N, C-alpha and C. Protein backbone atom coordinates (compact mmCIF):
# COMPACT_ATOMS: atom_id res chain seq x y z
N MET A 1 103.39 117.74 144.59
CA MET A 1 103.98 118.09 143.46
C MET A 1 104.71 118.64 143.01
N LYS A 2 105.01 117.54 142.37
CA LYS A 2 106.11 117.14 141.61
C LYS A 2 106.89 118.54 140.70
N LYS A 3 108.00 118.85 141.32
CA LYS A 3 108.95 119.99 140.59
C LYS A 3 109.29 119.74 138.77
N ARG A 4 108.88 120.05 137.97
CA ARG A 4 108.71 119.35 136.11
C ARG A 4 110.73 120.05 136.11
N ILE A 5 110.80 119.77 135.29
CA ILE A 5 112.52 119.56 134.77
C ILE A 5 112.53 120.09 133.66
N VAL A 6 112.55 121.33 132.92
CA VAL A 6 112.86 121.82 131.60
C VAL A 6 113.68 121.94 131.24
N SER A 7 114.24 121.70 129.82
CA SER A 7 115.50 121.60 129.20
C SER A 7 115.50 123.50 128.72
N ASP A 8 116.54 123.30 128.02
CA ASP A 8 116.75 124.73 127.56
C ASP A 8 116.17 124.83 126.32
N ASP A 9 115.45 123.77 125.61
CA ASP A 9 114.78 124.20 124.85
C ASP A 9 112.90 124.07 124.74
N ARG A 10 112.73 123.80 126.16
CA ARG A 10 111.20 124.41 126.55
C ARG A 10 110.68 122.84 127.05
N TYR A 11 111.24 121.97 126.10
CA TYR A 11 110.63 120.54 126.49
C TYR A 11 110.90 119.82 127.04
N THR A 12 110.07 118.98 128.72
CA THR A 12 110.18 118.32 129.74
C THR A 12 110.63 116.98 128.70
N ASP A 13 111.56 116.23 129.20
CA ASP A 13 112.36 114.89 128.99
C ASP A 13 111.10 114.18 129.46
N ALA A 14 110.49 112.73 128.63
CA ALA A 14 109.98 111.97 129.32
C ALA A 14 110.48 111.15 130.56
N PRO A 15 109.27 110.29 131.41
CA PRO A 15 110.14 109.64 132.35
C PRO A 15 110.64 108.08 131.33
N PRO A 16 112.02 108.03 132.18
CA PRO A 16 112.90 106.11 131.55
C PRO A 16 111.01 105.41 131.09
N GLU A 17 110.34 104.84 132.60
CA GLU A 17 109.66 103.94 132.14
C GLU A 17 108.57 104.19 130.74
N ILE A 18 108.18 105.18 130.53
CA ILE A 18 107.40 105.78 128.72
C ILE A 18 108.63 105.05 127.99
N ALA A 19 109.75 105.71 127.61
CA ALA A 19 110.58 105.23 126.60
C ALA A 19 110.73 103.54 126.84
N GLU A 20 110.63 102.99 127.95
CA GLU A 20 111.25 101.58 127.66
C GLU A 20 109.31 100.62 126.85
N ALA A 21 108.52 102.04 127.82
CA ALA A 21 107.17 100.77 127.33
C ALA A 21 107.17 101.11 125.47
N LEU A 22 107.40 101.89 125.04
CA LEU A 22 107.76 102.54 123.52
C LEU A 22 108.80 101.92 123.03
N ALA A 23 109.16 101.56 123.31
CA ALA A 23 110.53 100.33 122.84
C ALA A 23 110.04 98.85 122.72
N ALA A 24 109.27 98.41 123.99
CA ALA A 24 109.01 97.40 123.97
C ALA A 24 107.10 97.27 123.43
N SER A 25 106.78 98.16 122.90
CA SER A 25 105.42 98.49 122.34
C SER A 25 105.02 97.00 120.58
N GLU A 26 104.55 96.61 120.13
CA GLU A 26 104.32 96.25 119.07
C GLU A 26 102.75 97.43 118.16
N PRO A 27 103.44 97.23 116.63
CA PRO A 27 102.42 97.70 116.26
C PRO A 27 100.94 96.95 116.11
N VAL A 28 100.29 98.05 116.00
CA VAL A 28 98.89 97.85 115.94
C VAL A 28 97.93 98.31 114.59
N GLU A 29 97.07 96.98 114.22
CA GLU A 29 96.90 97.15 112.85
C GLU A 29 95.25 98.17 113.31
N ASP A 30 95.86 99.42 111.99
CA ASP A 30 94.37 100.61 112.08
C ASP A 30 93.53 100.46 110.77
N ASP A 31 92.48 101.00 110.91
CA ASP A 31 91.56 101.50 109.65
C ASP A 31 91.62 102.54 108.97
N PHE A 32 93.02 103.46 108.59
CA PHE A 32 93.36 103.80 108.04
C PHE A 32 93.55 103.33 106.63
N PRO A 33 92.89 104.09 105.97
CA PRO A 33 92.80 103.72 104.24
C PRO A 33 94.46 103.77 103.63
N SER A 34 95.23 102.87 102.94
CA SER A 34 96.24 102.57 102.07
C SER A 34 96.14 104.51 101.63
N PRO A 35 97.72 104.35 101.56
CA PRO A 35 98.04 105.82 100.45
C PRO A 35 97.60 105.97 98.96
N GLU A 36 97.33 104.14 98.26
CA GLU A 36 96.78 103.76 96.93
C GLU A 36 95.32 104.29 97.49
N GLU A 37 94.37 104.09 98.20
CA GLU A 37 93.13 104.70 98.57
C GLU A 37 92.74 106.00 98.87
N LEU A 38 94.00 106.48 99.43
CA LEU A 38 93.79 107.90 99.77
C LEU A 38 94.24 108.82 98.11
N ALA A 39 94.54 108.26 97.81
CA ALA A 39 95.01 108.61 95.84
C ALA A 39 93.88 108.69 95.46
N ARG A 40 93.01 108.04 95.71
CA ARG A 40 91.99 107.85 94.73
C ARG A 40 91.33 109.11 94.27
N GLU A 41 91.29 109.43 93.06
CA GLU A 41 89.93 110.37 93.02
C GLU A 41 88.72 110.38 94.08
N LEU A 42 88.73 111.39 94.49
CA LEU A 42 87.48 110.88 95.42
C LEU A 42 85.93 111.21 94.26
N SER A 43 85.22 110.22 94.86
CA SER A 43 83.48 110.62 94.21
C SER A 43 83.02 111.78 93.96
N ARG A 44 81.87 111.50 92.57
CA ARG A 44 81.27 112.38 92.58
C ARG A 44 80.12 112.31 92.69
N THR A 45 78.87 113.29 92.70
CA THR A 45 77.89 113.85 92.87
C THR A 45 77.06 113.40 91.35
N ILE A 46 76.30 112.34 91.86
CA ILE A 46 75.84 112.68 90.25
C ILE A 46 74.31 112.11 90.42
N THR A 47 73.46 111.98 89.11
CA THR A 47 71.67 111.84 89.79
C THR A 47 71.87 110.76 88.54
N ILE A 48 71.39 109.50 88.99
CA ILE A 48 71.26 108.49 88.12
C ILE A 48 69.50 107.89 88.14
N ARG A 49 69.20 107.68 86.88
CA ARG A 49 67.05 107.12 86.95
C ARG A 49 67.69 105.41 86.94
N LEU A 50 67.40 104.48 87.98
CA LEU A 50 67.09 103.16 87.98
C LEU A 50 66.12 103.10 87.52
N ASP A 51 65.42 101.82 87.21
CA ASP A 51 64.76 101.02 87.31
C ASP A 51 63.91 100.77 88.54
N PRO A 52 63.00 100.55 88.83
CA PRO A 52 62.57 100.71 90.59
C PRO A 52 62.62 99.10 91.43
N GLU A 53 63.19 98.03 89.94
CA GLU A 53 63.08 96.87 90.66
C GLU A 53 65.08 96.91 90.27
N VAL A 54 65.46 97.23 90.13
CA VAL A 54 67.38 97.38 90.50
C VAL A 54 67.34 98.45 91.78
N ASP A 55 66.62 99.71 91.59
CA ASP A 55 66.86 100.61 92.99
C ASP A 55 66.78 99.57 94.14
N GLU A 56 65.67 99.43 94.76
CA GLU A 56 64.70 98.13 95.22
C GLU A 56 66.26 96.93 95.53
N TRP A 57 66.32 96.46 94.64
CA TRP A 57 67.34 95.16 94.93
C TRP A 57 68.34 96.17 95.72
N PHE A 58 69.13 97.07 95.61
CA PHE A 58 70.34 97.61 96.16
C PHE A 58 69.49 98.41 97.28
N ARG A 59 68.71 98.98 97.23
CA ARG A 59 68.33 99.64 99.26
C ARG A 59 67.87 98.14 99.84
N ARG A 60 67.51 96.99 99.32
CA ARG A 60 67.29 96.08 100.17
C ARG A 60 68.16 95.79 101.34
N PRO A 61 69.03 95.75 101.79
CA PRO A 61 69.83 95.04 102.24
C PRO A 61 69.92 96.45 103.63
N GLY A 62 69.71 97.08 102.90
CA GLY A 62 70.11 98.49 104.15
C GLY A 62 70.99 99.08 103.64
N PRO A 63 71.13 100.59 104.44
CA PRO A 63 71.92 101.61 103.93
C PRO A 63 73.36 101.30 103.35
N GLY A 64 73.72 102.10 102.89
CA GLY A 64 74.94 101.27 102.00
C GLY A 64 74.71 101.13 99.67
N TYR A 65 73.22 101.86 99.73
CA TYR A 65 72.89 101.34 98.58
C TYR A 65 74.02 101.61 96.98
N GLN A 66 74.54 103.42 97.38
CA GLN A 66 75.37 103.51 96.52
C GLN A 66 76.70 103.30 96.58
N THR A 67 77.38 102.73 97.34
CA THR A 67 78.42 101.43 98.09
C THR A 67 78.52 100.62 97.00
N ARG A 68 76.83 99.98 97.27
CA ARG A 68 77.08 98.87 96.44
C ARG A 68 76.49 99.10 94.63
N ILE A 69 75.82 99.34 94.51
CA ILE A 69 75.63 100.49 92.87
C ILE A 69 77.85 100.62 92.53
N ASN A 70 78.01 101.35 93.16
CA ASN A 70 79.15 102.06 92.78
C ASN A 70 80.31 100.58 92.20
N ALA A 71 80.57 99.60 93.63
CA ALA A 71 81.60 98.41 93.71
C ALA A 71 80.80 97.66 92.54
N VAL A 72 79.45 97.34 91.73
CA VAL A 72 78.90 96.94 90.74
C VAL A 72 79.57 97.30 89.35
N LEU A 73 79.54 98.70 89.29
CA LEU A 73 79.68 99.53 88.28
C LEU A 73 81.44 99.73 88.41
N ARG A 74 81.96 99.36 89.34
CA ARG A 74 83.58 99.72 89.11
C ARG A 74 84.19 98.39 88.78
N TYR A 75 82.81 97.43 88.46
CA TYR A 75 83.23 95.30 88.14
C TYR A 75 83.35 95.78 86.93
N TYR A 76 82.07 96.77 87.25
CA TYR A 76 81.70 96.41 85.28
C TYR A 76 83.10 97.12 84.48
N VAL A 77 83.52 97.78 84.63
CA VAL A 77 84.32 98.90 83.99
C VAL A 77 86.24 97.65 84.28
N ARG A 78 86.10 97.57 85.27
CA ARG A 78 87.08 96.60 84.91
C ARG A 78 87.34 95.38 84.58
N THR A 79 85.93 94.90 84.25
CA THR A 79 85.99 93.64 83.36
C THR A 79 85.82 93.91 81.21
N GLN A 80 85.48 95.34 81.72
CA GLN A 80 85.03 95.65 80.59
C GLN A 80 86.74 96.60 79.57
N LYS A 81 87.76 97.16 80.73
CA LYS A 81 89.21 96.81 80.12
C LYS A 81 89.65 95.65 79.78
N ALA A 82 89.28 95.03 80.57
CA ALA A 82 90.60 93.95 81.04
C ALA A 82 90.08 92.79 79.01
N LYS A 83 88.72 92.89 78.97
CA LYS A 83 88.30 92.28 77.52
C LYS A 83 88.90 92.92 76.51
N ALA A 84 89.00 94.33 76.39
CA ALA A 84 89.62 95.37 75.44
C ALA A 84 90.71 95.06 75.38
N LYS A 85 91.61 94.66 76.17
CA LYS A 85 92.65 94.50 75.78
C LYS A 85 93.21 92.99 75.57
N HIS A 86 93.84 92.95 74.16
CA HIS A 86 94.42 91.44 73.87
C HIS A 86 95.58 91.11 75.30
N PRO A 87 95.51 89.93 76.01
CA PRO A 87 96.10 89.16 76.97
C PRO A 87 97.65 89.28 76.86
N VAL A 88 98.56 89.43 75.55
CA VAL A 88 100.35 89.67 74.95
C VAL A 88 100.35 90.13 74.75
N THR A 89 99.44 91.13 73.53
CA THR A 89 99.74 92.16 73.02
C THR A 89 99.71 93.16 73.78
N GLY A 90 98.78 93.43 74.56
CA GLY A 90 98.15 94.89 74.78
C GLY A 90 97.50 95.40 74.32
N ARG A 91 97.44 94.86 73.17
CA ARG A 91 96.25 96.19 72.16
C ARG A 91 94.45 95.82 72.24
N ALA A 92 94.19 96.30 71.47
CA ALA A 92 92.71 95.94 71.62
C ALA A 92 92.83 95.38 70.60
N GLU A 93 91.07 93.93 70.75
CA GLU A 93 91.51 93.65 69.95
C GLU A 93 90.33 93.82 69.15
N SER A 94 90.41 92.89 67.04
CA SER A 94 89.20 93.70 66.52
C SER A 94 88.33 92.58 66.58
N LYS A 95 86.67 92.89 66.13
CA LYS A 95 86.05 91.56 66.44
C LYS A 95 85.97 90.95 65.40
N ALA A 96 86.26 91.35 64.29
CA ALA A 96 86.79 89.88 63.35
C ALA A 96 88.39 88.59 63.82
N GLY A 97 88.72 89.34 64.68
CA GLY A 97 89.93 88.58 65.30
C GLY A 97 89.34 87.33 66.20
N LYS A 98 87.86 87.67 66.42
CA LYS A 98 87.23 86.69 67.61
C LYS A 98 85.79 85.69 67.47
N ARG A 99 86.48 84.84 66.81
CA ARG A 99 85.55 83.30 67.25
C ARG A 99 84.60 82.99 67.91
N SER A 100 83.00 82.76 66.99
CA SER A 100 81.61 82.74 68.23
C SER A 100 82.40 81.42 69.25
N SER A 101 81.06 81.04 69.94
CA SER A 101 81.28 79.08 70.12
C SER A 101 81.23 78.64 69.35
N ASN A 102 80.41 78.72 68.51
CA ASN A 102 79.64 78.23 67.63
C ASN A 102 80.91 77.76 66.59
N GLY A 103 81.77 78.75 66.37
CA GLY A 103 83.37 78.71 65.54
C GLY A 103 84.01 77.54 66.04
N ARG A 104 84.33 77.84 67.53
CA ARG A 104 85.36 76.94 68.01
C ARG A 104 84.65 75.47 67.90
N LYS A 105 83.54 75.40 68.22
CA LYS A 105 82.89 73.77 68.69
C LYS A 105 82.88 73.69 66.85
N ALA A 106 83.19 74.06 65.48
CA ALA A 106 83.67 73.59 64.48
C ALA A 106 84.71 73.46 64.03
N ALA A 107 85.57 73.92 64.85
CA ALA A 107 87.09 74.23 64.40
C ALA A 107 87.29 72.99 64.79
N ALA A 108 87.16 72.69 66.17
CA ALA A 108 87.50 71.45 67.06
C ALA A 108 87.21 70.09 66.34
N LYS A 109 85.83 70.12 65.74
CA LYS A 109 84.98 69.06 65.32
C LYS A 109 86.88 68.74 63.57
N ARG A 110 86.60 69.85 63.02
CA ARG A 110 87.55 70.05 61.86
C ARG A 110 88.59 69.43 62.16
N LYS A 111 89.26 69.78 63.51
CA LYS A 111 90.63 69.06 63.36
C LYS A 111 90.57 67.25 64.39
N GLN A 112 89.45 67.23 65.10
CA GLN A 112 89.06 65.68 65.54
C GLN A 112 89.24 65.34 64.13
N ALA A 113 88.41 65.68 63.12
CA ALA A 113 87.98 64.24 62.02
C ALA A 113 89.43 65.01 61.45
N ALA A 114 91.08 65.29 60.82
CA ALA A 114 91.70 65.52 60.80
C ALA A 114 92.99 64.71 61.26
N LYS A 115 92.47 64.50 62.18
CA LYS A 115 93.71 63.04 62.75
C LYS A 115 92.54 61.89 62.73
N ARG A 116 91.97 62.23 62.12
CA ARG A 116 90.98 60.12 61.91
C ARG A 116 91.63 59.58 61.01
């Protein structure tokens, strides 16, 4: 058995081949969550009532149905937040400021007629 060399601070020095191996090593991708994901608030446990058809649809692929439901709801929230803010001003749009698709079509027809 080799005698260990102990330094004054009671830690042993690593052999030179370990230091060389560490210097030559490359970082490895990991599956750890990003700092942003770690900072996200933890999920809450709730009770929700679903129509049987909806429940069956989310459970059909197997385990993870709650994660799938959460992903759909998160997407819905994100799109609703995006719709609620005007792209330029960042303020919520009033319903009076929006035109229906029929209103847009009629305006386009009037514009074309005016060009003739």
